[in-house]
Amino acid sequence: MIRFELEGPGGGVWCLKRRGTRVHLVDHPTNPDCLLRCSTADFHALLTGSLDATEGFMSGRLEVAGDVGIVLGLHEALRSDG
Protein backbone atom coordinates (compact mmCIF):
# COMPACT_ATOMS: atom_id res chain seq x y z
CA MET A 1 0.00 0.00 0.00
CA ILE A 2 1.24 3.48 -0.88
CA ARG A 3 0.24 6.66 0.95
CA PHE A 4 0.55 9.88 -1.09
CA GLU A 5 0.69 13.22 0.71
CA LEU A 6 0.59 15.91 -1.95
CA GLU A 7 0.95 19.59 -1.10
CA GLY A 8 -0.32 22.50 -3.18
CA PRO A 9 -3.28 23.06 -5.53
CA GLY A 10 -5.26 19.85 -5.93
CA GLY A 11 -3.25 18.17 -3.19
CA GLY A 12 -4.40 15.95 -0.38
CA VAL A 13 -3.85 12.48 0.99
CA TRP A 14 -4.54 9.36 -1.03
CA CYS A 15 -3.74 5.71 -0.52
CA LEU A 16 -3.49 3.00 -3.14
CA LYS A 17 -3.49 -0.72 -2.57
CA ARG A 18 -2.77 -3.32 -5.22
CA ARG A 19 -4.78 -6.52 -5.34
CA GLY A 20 -3.44 -8.76 -8.06
CA THR A 21 -3.29 -6.65 -11.20
CA ARG A 22 -5.79 -4.04 -9.96
CA VAL A 23 -5.19 -0.89 -7.93
CA HIS A 24 -7.78 0.42 -5.44
CA LEU A 25 -8.10 3.61 -3.44
CA VAL A 26 -8.11 2.99 0.30
CA ASP A 27 -9.70 5.51 2.67
CA HIS A 28 -7.85 4.94 5.93
CA PRO A 29 -4.61 3.03 5.54
CA THR A 30 -2.95 1.19 8.30
CA ASN A 31 0.79 0.68 8.04
CA PRO A 32 1.44 1.67 4.41
CA ASP A 33 4.42 -0.02 2.75
CA CYS A 34 5.57 3.34 1.44
CA LEU A 35 4.89 7.04 2.05
CA LEU A 36 5.52 9.58 -0.69
CA ARG A 37 5.32 13.27 0.23
CA CYS A 38 5.85 15.99 -2.38
CA SER A 39 4.21 18.90 -4.18
CA THR A 40 1.47 18.26 -6.71
CA ALA A 41 3.77 19.66 -9.41
CA ASP A 42 6.56 17.22 -8.52
CA PHE A 43 4.09 14.32 -8.41
CA HIS A 44 2.87 15.20 -11.90
CA ALA A 45 6.48 15.44 -13.09
CA LEU A 46 7.18 12.02 -11.58
CA LEU A 47 4.22 10.45 -13.38
CA THR A 48 5.02 12.03 -16.73
CA GLY A 49 8.66 11.02 -16.50
CA SER A 50 10.07 14.55 -16.45
CA LEU A 51 11.28 13.95 -12.87
CA ASP A 52 13.37 10.87 -12.22
CA ALA A 53 12.44 9.31 -8.86
CA THR A 54 16.08 8.94 -7.79
CA GLU A 55 16.92 12.53 -8.70
CA GLY A 56 13.76 13.78 -6.96
CA PHE A 57 14.67 11.89 -3.81
CA MET A 58 18.32 13.00 -3.82
CA SER A 59 17.37 16.66 -4.42
CA GLY A 60 14.78 16.63 -1.62
CA ARG A 61 11.82 17.17 -3.94
CA LEU A 62 10.42 13.74 -2.99
CA GLU A 63 10.26 12.59 0.62
CA VAL A 64 10.00 8.82 0.84
CA ALA A 65 9.62 6.55 3.84
CA GLY A 66 9.36 2.79 3.76
CA ASP A 67 9.89 0.70 0.61
CA VAL A 68 11.72 3.09 -1.75
CA GLY A 69 11.53 0.51 -4.55
CA ILE A 70 7.80 1.18 -4.85
CA VAL A 71 8.44 4.83 -5.70
CA LEU A 72 11.19 3.94 -8.15
CA GLY A 73 8.67 1.91 -10.17
CA LEU A 74 5.81 4.36 -9.77
CA HIS A 75 6.20 6.05 -13.15
CA GLU A 76 5.87 2.76 -15.02
CA ALA A 77 3.03 1.48 -12.84
CA LEU A 78 0.80 4.56 -13.01
CA ARG A 79 1.63 6.29 -16.26
CA SER A 80 -1.06 6.76 -18.88
CA ASP A 81 -0.48 6.65 -22.61
CA GLY A 82 -3.02 9.38 -23.29
PDB file of N, CA and C in Angstrom:
ATOM      1  N   MET A   1       0.841  -1.168   0.000  1.00  0.00           N
ATOM      2  CA  MET A   1       0.000   0.000   0.000  1.00  0.00           C
ATOM      3  C   MET A   1       0.891   1.238   0.000  1.00  0.00           C
ATOM      4  N   ILE A   2       0.496   2.228  -0.789  1.00  0.00           N
ATOM      5  CA  ILE A   2       1.242   3.483  -0.876  1.00  0.00           C
ATOM      6  C   ILE A   2       0.361   4.617  -0.373  1.00  0.00           C
ATOM      7  N   ARG A   3       0.922   5.457   0.474  1.00  0.00           N
ATOM      8  CA  ARG A   3       0.241   6.661   0.948  1.00  0.00           C
ATOM      9  C   ARG A   3       0.895   7.861   0.264  1.00  0.00           C
ATOM     10  N   PHE A   4       0.081   8.671  -0.411  1.00  0.00           N
ATOM     11  CA  PHE A   4       0.548   9.882  -1.085  1.00  0.00           C
ATOM     12  C   PHE A   4       0.090  11.083  -0.283  1.00  0.00           C
ATOM     13  N   GLU A   5       1.018  11.951   0.057  1.00  0.00           N
ATOM     14  CA  GLU A   5       0.689  13.219   0.711  1.00  0.00           C
ATOM     15  C   GLU A   5       1.188  14.317  -0.214  1.00  0.00           C
ATOM     16  N   LEU A   6       0.244  14.922  -0.941  1.00  0.00           N
ATOM     17  CA  LEU A   6       0.591  15.913  -1.953  1.00  0.00           C
ATOM     18  C   LEU A   6       0.203  17.296  -1.468  1.00  0.00           C
ATOM     19  N   GLU A   7       1.149  18.222  -1.584  1.00  0.00           N
ATOM     20  CA  GLU A   7       0.948  19.587  -1.100  1.00  0.00           C
ATOM     21  C   GLU A   7       0.794  20.530  -2.283  1.00  0.00           C
ATOM     22  N   GLY A   8      -0.109  21.512  -2.141  1.00  0.00           N
ATOM     23  CA  GLY A   8      -0.318  22.499  -3.184  1.00  0.00           C
ATOM     24  C   GLY A   8      -1.688  22.341  -3.802  1.00  0.00           C
ATOM     25  N   PRO A   9      -1.963  23.112  -4.868  1.00  0.00           N
ATOM     26  CA  PRO A   9      -3.277  23.064  -5.526  1.00  0.00           C
ATOM     27  C   PRO A   9      -3.630  21.648  -5.969  1.00  0.00           C
ATOM     28  N   GLY A  10      -4.815  21.194  -5.583  1.00  0.00           N
ATOM     29  CA  GLY A  10      -5.262  19.849  -5.931  1.00  0.00           C
ATOM     30  C   GLY A  10      -4.665  18.761  -5.068  1.00  0.00           C
ATOM     31  N   GLY A  11      -3.923  19.149  -4.041  1.00  0.00           N
ATOM     32  CA  GLY A  11      -3.249  18.172  -3.191  1.00  0.00           C
ATOM     33  C   GLY A  11      -4.194  17.517  -2.202  1.00  0.00           C
ATOM     34  N   GLY A  12      -3.637  16.672  -1.389  1.00  0.00           N
ATOM     35  CA  GLY A  12      -4.398  15.950  -0.382  1.00  0.00           C
ATOM     36  C   GLY A  12      -3.678  14.658  -0.039  1.00  0.00           C
ATOM     37  N   VAL A  13      -4.400  13.768   0.592  1.00  0.00           N
ATOM     38  CA  VAL A  13      -3.845  12.481   0.989  1.00  0.00           C
ATOM     39  C   VAL A  13      -4.641  11.377   0.308  1.00  0.00           C
ATOM     40  N   TRP A  14      -3.927  10.497  -0.377  1.00  0.00           N
ATOM     41  CA  TRP A  14      -4.543   9.363  -1.034  1.00  0.00           C
ATOM     42  C   TRP A  14      -3.732   8.116  -0.729  1.00  0.00           C
ATOM     43  N   CYS A  15      -4.408   6.980  -0.756  1.00  0.00           N
ATOM     44  CA  CYS A  15      -3.735   5.708  -0.518  1.00  0.00           C
ATOM     45  C   CYS A  15      -4.180   4.718  -1.580  1.00  0.00           C
ATOM     46  N   LEU A  16      -3.215   4.017  -2.126  1.00  0.00           N
ATOM     47  CA  LEU A  16      -3.486   3.002  -3.138  1.00  0.00           C
ATOM     48  C   LEU A  16      -3.033   1.650  -2.634  1.00  0.00           C
ATOM     49  N   LYS A  17      -3.840   0.649  -2.933  1.00  0.00           N
ATOM     50  CA  LYS A  17      -3.494  -0.722  -2.570  1.00  0.00           C
ATOM     51  C   LYS A  17      -3.671  -1.587  -3.804  1.00  0.00           C
ATOM     52  N   ARG A  18      -2.692  -2.428  -4.069  1.00  0.00           N
ATOM     53  CA  ARG A  18      -2.772  -3.321  -5.219  1.00  0.00           C
ATOM     54  C   ARG A  18      -3.286  -4.681  -4.778  1.00  0.00           C
ATOM     55  N   ARG A  19      -4.253  -5.155  -5.532  1.00  0.00           N
ATOM     56  CA  ARG A  19      -4.780  -6.519  -5.345  1.00  0.00           C
ATOM     57  C   ARG A  19      -4.656  -7.221  -6.686  1.00  0.00           C
ATOM     58  N   GLY A  20      -3.700  -8.109  -6.784  1.00  0.00           N
ATOM     59  CA  GLY A  20      -3.445  -8.763  -8.064  1.00  0.00           C
ATOM     60  C   GLY A  20      -2.959  -7.742  -9.071  1.00  0.00           C
ATOM     61  N   THR A  21      -3.668  -7.610 -10.170  1.00  0.00           N
ATOM     62  CA  THR A  21      -3.290  -6.649 -11.202  1.00  0.00           C
ATOM     63  C   THR A  21      -4.088  -5.359 -11.107  1.00  0.00           C
ATOM     64  N   ARG A  22      -4.943  -5.224 -10.117  1.00  0.00           N
ATOM     65  CA  ARG A  22      -5.792  -4.037  -9.965  1.00  0.00           C
ATOM     66  C   ARG A  22      -5.313  -3.164  -8.818  1.00  0.00           C
ATOM     67  N   VAL A  23      -5.553  -1.865  -8.955  1.00  0.00           N
ATOM     68  CA  VAL A  23      -5.191  -0.893  -7.927  1.00  0.00           C
ATOM     69  C   VAL A  23      -6.467  -0.249  -7.409  1.00  0.00           C
ATOM     70  N   HIS A  24      -6.589  -0.135  -6.082  1.00  0.00           N
ATOM     71  CA  HIS A  24      -7.783   0.417  -5.443  1.00  0.00           C
ATOM     72  C   HIS A  24      -7.401   1.556  -4.511  1.00  0.00           C
ATOM     73  N   LEU A  25      -8.264   2.565  -4.447  1.00  0.00           N
ATOM     74  CA  LEU A  25      -8.100   3.613  -3.442  1.00  0.00           C
ATOM     75  C   LEU A  25      -8.540   3.074  -2.094  1.00  0.00           C
ATOM     76  N   VAL A  26      -7.804   3.415  -1.056  1.00  0.00           N
ATOM     77  CA  VAL A  26      -8.105   2.993   0.304  1.00  0.00           C
ATOM     78  C   VAL A  26      -8.299   4.248   1.140  1.00  0.00           C
ATOM     79  N   ASP A  27      -9.389   4.314   1.906  1.00  0.00           N
ATOM     80  CA  ASP A  27      -9.699   5.514   2.673  1.00  0.00           C
ATOM     81  C   ASP A  27      -8.765   5.740   3.858  1.00  0.00           C
ATOM     82  N   HIS A  28      -8.625   4.768   4.704  1.00  0.00           N
ATOM     83  CA  HIS A  28      -7.846   4.938   5.928  1.00  0.00           C
ATOM     84  C   HIS A  28      -6.813   3.827   6.030  1.00  0.00           C
ATOM     85  N   PRO A  29      -5.614   4.099   5.541  1.00  0.00           N
ATOM     86  CA  PRO A  29      -4.613   3.034   5.537  1.00  0.00           C
ATOM     87  C   PRO A  29      -4.046   2.760   6.919  1.00  0.00           C
ATOM     88  N   THR A  30      -3.694   1.544   7.107  1.00  0.00           N
ATOM     89  CA  THR A  30      -2.950   1.186   8.304  1.00  0.00           C
ATOM     90  C   THR A  30      -1.625   0.613   7.834  1.00  0.00           C
ATOM     91  N   ASN A  31      -0.556   1.159   8.347  1.00  0.00           N
ATOM     92  CA  ASN A  31       0.791   0.683   8.037  1.00  0.00           C
ATOM     93  C   ASN A  31       1.086   0.597   6.538  1.00  0.00           C
ATOM     94  N   PRO A  32       1.111   1.737   5.833  1.00  0.00           N
ATOM     95  CA  PRO A  32       1.441   1.668   4.408  1.00  0.00           C
ATOM     96  C   PRO A  32       2.866   1.154   4.209  1.00  0.00           C
ATOM     97  N   ASP A  33       3.092   0.491   3.076  1.00  0.00           N
ATOM     98  CA  ASP A  33       4.422  -0.018   2.747  1.00  0.00           C
ATOM     99  C   ASP A  33       5.367   1.124   2.387  1.00  0.00           C
ATOM    100  N   CYS A  34       4.768   2.220   1.903  1.00  0.00           N
ATOM    101  CA  CYS A  34       5.572   3.342   1.442  1.00  0.00           C
ATOM    102  C   CYS A  34       4.778   4.636   1.601  1.00  0.00           C
ATOM    103  N   LEU A  35       5.466   5.693   1.966  1.00  0.00           N
ATOM    104  CA  LEU A  35       4.892   7.040   2.046  1.00  0.00           C
ATOM    105  C   LEU A  35       5.652   7.915   1.073  1.00  0.00           C
ATOM    106  N   LEU A  36       4.914   8.623   0.225  1.00  0.00           N
ATOM    107  CA  LEU A  36       5.521   9.584  -0.691  1.00  0.00           C
ATOM    108  C   LEU A  36       4.913  10.944  -0.402  1.00  0.00           C
ATOM    109  N   ARG A  37       5.773  11.902  -0.053  1.00  0.00           N
ATOM    110  CA  ARG A  37       5.324  13.271   0.232  1.00  0.00           C
ATOM    111  C   ARG A  37       6.045  14.207  -0.730  1.00  0.00           C
ATOM    112  N   CYS A  38       5.263  15.038  -1.445  1.00  0.00           N
ATOM    113  CA  CYS A  38       5.851  15.988  -2.382  1.00  0.00           C
ATOM    114  C   CYS A  38       4.791  16.999  -2.802  1.00  0.00           C
ATOM    115  N   SER A  39       5.176  17.935  -3.646  1.00  0.00           N
ATOM    116  CA  SER A  39       4.214  18.897  -4.184  1.00  0.00           C
ATOM    117  C   SER A  39       3.418  18.227  -5.299  1.00  0.00           C
ATOM    118  N   THR A  40       2.268  18.799  -5.607  1.00  0.00           N
ATOM    119  CA  THR A  40       1.472  18.262  -6.711  1.00  0.00           C
ATOM    120  C   THR A  40       2.239  18.389  -8.025  1.00  0.00           C
ATOM    121  N   ALA A  41       2.994  19.469  -8.190  1.00  0.00           N
ATOM    122  CA  ALA A  41       3.774  19.660  -9.412  1.00  0.00           C
ATOM    123  C   ALA A  41       4.851  18.584  -9.551  1.00  0.00           C
ATOM    124  N   ASP A  42       5.530  18.257  -8.459  1.00  0.00           N
ATOM    125  CA  ASP A  42       6.558  17.216  -8.523  1.00  0.00           C
ATOM    126  C   ASP A  42       5.944  15.842  -8.741  1.00  0.00           C
ATOM    127  N   PHE A  43       4.772  15.599  -8.186  1.00  0.00           N
ATOM    128  CA  PHE A  43       4.091  14.319  -8.408  1.00  0.00           C
ATOM    129  C   PHE A  43       3.730  14.168  -9.883  1.00  0.00           C
ATOM    130  N   HIS A  44       3.194  15.230 -10.473  1.00  0.00           N
ATOM    131  CA  HIS A  44       2.866  15.203 -11.897  1.00  0.00           C
ATOM    132  C   HIS A  44       4.125  14.957 -12.722  1.00  0.00           C
ATOM    133  N   ALA A  45       5.213  15.630 -12.374  1.00  0.00           N
ATOM    134  CA  ALA A  45       6.479  15.440 -13.086  1.00  0.00           C
ATOM    135  C   ALA A  45       6.976  14.003 -12.956  1.00  0.00           C
ATOM    136  N   LEU A  46       6.790  13.413 -11.804  1.00  0.00           N
ATOM    137  CA  LEU A  46       7.182  12.019 -11.579  1.00  0.00           C
ATOM    138  C   LEU A  46       6.376  11.090 -12.484  1.00  0.00           C
ATOM    139  N   LEU A  47       5.076  11.314 -12.566  1.00  0.00           N
ATOM    140  CA  LEU A  47       4.222  10.449 -13.378  1.00  0.00           C
ATOM    141  C   LEU A  47       4.474  10.604 -14.870  1.00  0.00           C
ATOM    142  N   THR A  48       4.787  11.808 -15.299  1.00  0.00           N
ATOM    143  CA  THR A  48       5.015  12.029 -16.725  1.00  0.00           C
ATOM    144  C   THR A  48       6.427  11.654 -17.153  1.00  0.00           C
ATOM    145  N   GLY A  49       7.294  11.404 -16.191  1.00  0.00           N
ATOM    146  CA  GLY A  49       8.657  11.017 -16.505  1.00  0.00           C
ATOM    147  C   GLY A  49       9.631  12.180 -16.606  1.00  0.00           C
ATOM    148  N   SER A  50       9.151  13.412 -16.384  1.00  0.00           N
ATOM    149  CA  SER A  50      10.069  14.550 -16.447  1.00  0.00           C
ATOM    150  C   SER A  50      10.865  14.719 -15.155  1.00  0.00           C
ATOM    151  N   LEU A  51      10.497  13.989 -14.102  1.00  0.00           N
ATOM    152  CA  LEU A  51      11.276  13.948 -12.867  1.00  0.00           C
ATOM    153  C   LEU A  51      11.624  12.498 -12.577  1.00  0.00           C
ATOM    154  N   ASP A  52      12.901  12.200 -12.571  1.00  0.00           N
ATOM    155  CA  ASP A  52      13.370  10.874 -12.217  1.00  0.00           C
ATOM    156  C   ASP A  52      13.223  10.691 -10.711  1.00  0.00           C
ATOM    157  N   ALA A  53      12.688   9.547 -10.285  1.00  0.00           N
ATOM    158  CA  ALA A  53      12.442   9.313  -8.858  1.00  0.00           C
ATOM    159  C   ALA A  53      13.722   9.420  -8.034  1.00  0.00           C
ATOM    160  N   THR A  54      14.817   8.882  -8.527  1.00  0.00           N
ATOM    161  CA  THR A  54      16.076   8.944  -7.785  1.00  0.00           C
ATOM    162  C   THR A  54      16.560  10.378  -7.650  1.00  0.00           C
ATOM    163  N   GLU A  55      16.508  11.130  -8.744  1.00  0.00           N
ATOM    164  CA  GLU A  55      16.917  12.533  -8.704  1.00  0.00           C
ATOM    165  C   GLU A  55      16.013  13.334  -7.769  1.00  0.00           C
ATOM    166  N   GLY A  56      14.704  13.074  -7.834  1.00  0.00           N
ATOM    167  CA  GLY A  56      13.761  13.775  -6.962  1.00  0.00           C
ATOM    168  C   GLY A  56      14.034  13.508  -5.493  1.00  0.00           C
ATOM    169  N   PHE A  57      14.357  12.264  -5.179  1.00  0.00           N
ATOM    170  CA  PHE A  57      14.668  11.894  -3.805  1.00  0.00           C
ATOM    171  C   PHE A  57      15.972  12.549  -3.349  1.00  0.00           C
ATOM    172  N   MET A  58      16.998  12.461  -4.186  1.00  0.00           N
ATOM    173  CA  MET A  58      18.319  12.997  -3.818  1.00  0.00           C
ATOM    174  C   MET A  58      18.298  14.524  -3.691  1.00  0.00           C
ATOM    175  N   SER A  59      17.432  15.194  -4.461  1.00  0.00           N
ATOM    176  CA  SER A  59      17.368  16.657  -4.416  1.00  0.00           C
ATOM    177  C   SER A  59      16.411  17.162  -3.332  1.00  0.00           C
ATOM    178  N   GLY A  60      15.707  16.235  -2.670  1.00  0.00           N
ATOM    179  CA  GLY A  60      14.783  16.632  -1.621  1.00  0.00           C
ATOM    180  C   GLY A  60      13.402  17.006  -2.107  1.00  0.00           C
ATOM    181  N   ARG A  61      13.146  16.852  -3.399  1.00  0.00           N
ATOM    182  CA  ARG A  61      11.821  17.170  -3.940  1.00  0.00           C
ATOM    183  C   ARG A  61      10.801  16.078  -3.582  1.00  0.00           C
ATOM    184  N   LEU A  62      11.267  14.861  -3.383  1.00  0.00           N
ATOM    185  CA  LEU A  62      10.420  13.741  -2.987  1.00  0.00           C
ATOM    186  C   LEU A  62      10.875  13.239  -1.628  1.00  0.00           C
ATOM    187  N   GLU A  63       9.962  13.170  -0.690  1.00  0.00           N
ATOM    188  CA  GLU A  63      10.263  12.592   0.622  1.00  0.00           C
ATOM    189  C   GLU A  63       9.642  11.204   0.645  1.00  0.00           C
ATOM    190  N   VAL A  64      10.462  10.209   0.895  1.00  0.00           N
ATOM    191  CA  VAL A  64      10.005   8.824   0.839  1.00  0.00           C
ATOM    192  C   VAL A  64      10.341   8.136   2.152  1.00  0.00           C
ATOM    193  N   ALA A  65       9.386   7.373   2.659  1.00  0.00           N
ATOM    194  CA  ALA A  65       9.617   6.546   3.841  1.00  0.00           C
ATOM    195  C   ALA A  65       9.095   5.147   3.526  1.00  0.00           C
ATOM    196  N   GLY A  66       9.785   4.152   3.999  1.00  0.00           N
ATOM    197  CA  GLY A  66       9.361   2.786   3.755  1.00  0.00           C
ATOM    198  C   GLY A  66      10.058   2.205   2.540  1.00  0.00           C
ATOM    199  N   ASP A  67       9.341   1.421   1.761  1.00  0.00           N
ATOM    200  CA  ASP A  67       9.887   0.704   0.611  1.00  0.00           C
ATOM    201  C   ASP A  67      10.130   1.658  -0.557  1.00  0.00           C
ATOM    202  N   VAL A  68      11.350   2.132  -0.705  1.00  0.00           N
ATOM    203  CA  VAL A  68      11.718   3.090  -1.746  1.00  0.00           C
ATOM    204  C   VAL A  68      11.539   2.482  -3.137  1.00  0.00           C
ATOM    205  N   GLY A  69      11.692   1.186  -3.260  1.00  0.00           N
ATOM    206  CA  GLY A  69      11.530   0.514  -4.551  1.00  0.00           C
ATOM    207  C   GLY A  69      10.168   0.742  -5.169  1.00  0.00           C
ATOM    208  N   ILE A  70       9.146   0.916  -4.340  1.00  0.00           N
ATOM    209  CA  ILE A  70       7.804   1.178  -4.850  1.00  0.00           C
ATOM    210  C   ILE A  70       7.780   2.501  -5.608  1.00  0.00           C
ATOM    211  N   VAL A  71       8.410   3.519  -5.057  1.00  0.00           N
ATOM    212  CA  VAL A  71       8.436   4.828  -5.705  1.00  0.00           C
ATOM    213  C   VAL A  71       9.271   4.782  -6.977  1.00  0.00           C
ATOM    214  N   LEU A  72      10.348   4.027  -6.966  1.00  0.00           N
ATOM    215  CA  LEU A  72      11.192   3.935  -8.149  1.00  0.00           C
ATOM    216  C   LEU A  72      10.427   3.363  -9.341  1.00  0.00           C
ATOM    217  N   GLY A  73       9.464   2.490  -9.094  1.00  0.00           N
ATOM    218  CA  GLY A  73       8.667   1.910 -10.170  1.00  0.00           C
ATOM    219  C   GLY A  73       7.343   2.590 -10.398  1.00  0.00           C
ATOM    220  N   LEU A  74       7.103   3.695  -9.711  1.00  0.00           N
ATOM    221  CA  LEU A  74       5.807   4.361  -9.770  1.00  0.00           C
ATOM    222  C   LEU A  74       5.475   4.902 -11.159  1.00  0.00           C
ATOM    223  N   HIS A  75       6.437   5.489 -11.821  1.00  0.00           N
ATOM    224  CA  HIS A  75       6.205   6.049 -13.149  1.00  0.00           C
ATOM    225  C   HIS A  75       5.665   4.987 -14.088  1.00  0.00           C
ATOM    226  N   GLU A  76       6.298   3.842 -14.119  1.00  0.00           N
ATOM    227  CA  GLU A  76       5.872   2.760 -15.022  1.00  0.00           C
ATOM    228  C   GLU A  76       4.518   2.190 -14.623  1.00  0.00           C
ATOM    229  N   ALA A  77       4.273   2.092 -13.321  1.00  0.00           N
ATOM    230  CA  ALA A  77       3.035   1.485 -12.838  1.00  0.00           C
ATOM    231  C   ALA A  77       1.813   2.359 -13.070  1.00  0.00           C
ATOM    232  N   LEU A  78       1.956   3.683 -12.967  1.00  0.00           N
ATOM    233  CA  LEU A  78       0.800   4.564 -13.010  1.00  0.00           C
ATOM    234  C   LEU A  78       0.689   5.432 -14.255  1.00  0.00           C
ATOM    235  N   ARG A  79       1.667   5.384 -15.109  1.00  0.00           N
ATOM    236  CA  ARG A  79       1.626   6.286 -16.262  1.00  0.00           C
ATOM    237  C   ARG A  79       0.463   5.944 -17.181  1.00  0.00           C
ATOM    238  N   SER A  80      -0.007   6.968 -17.891  1.00  0.00           N
ATOM    239  CA  SER A  80      -1.060   6.760 -18.882  1.00  0.00           C
ATOM    240  C   SER A  80      -0.473   7.072 -20.243  1.00  0.00           C
ATOM    241  N   ASP A  81      -0.986   6.427 -21.248  1.00  0.00           N
ATOM    242  CA  ASP A  81      -0.481   6.647 -22.607  1.00  0.00           C
ATOM    243  C   ASP A  81      -1.283   7.711 -23.333  1.00  0.00           C
ATOM    244  N   GLY A  82      -2.183   8.381 -22.626  1.00  0.00           N
ATOM    245  CA  GLY A  82      -3.016   9.377 -23.291  1.00  0.00           C
ATOM    246  C   GLY A  82      -2.665  10.668 -22.833  1.00  0.00           C
TER     247      GLY A  82
END
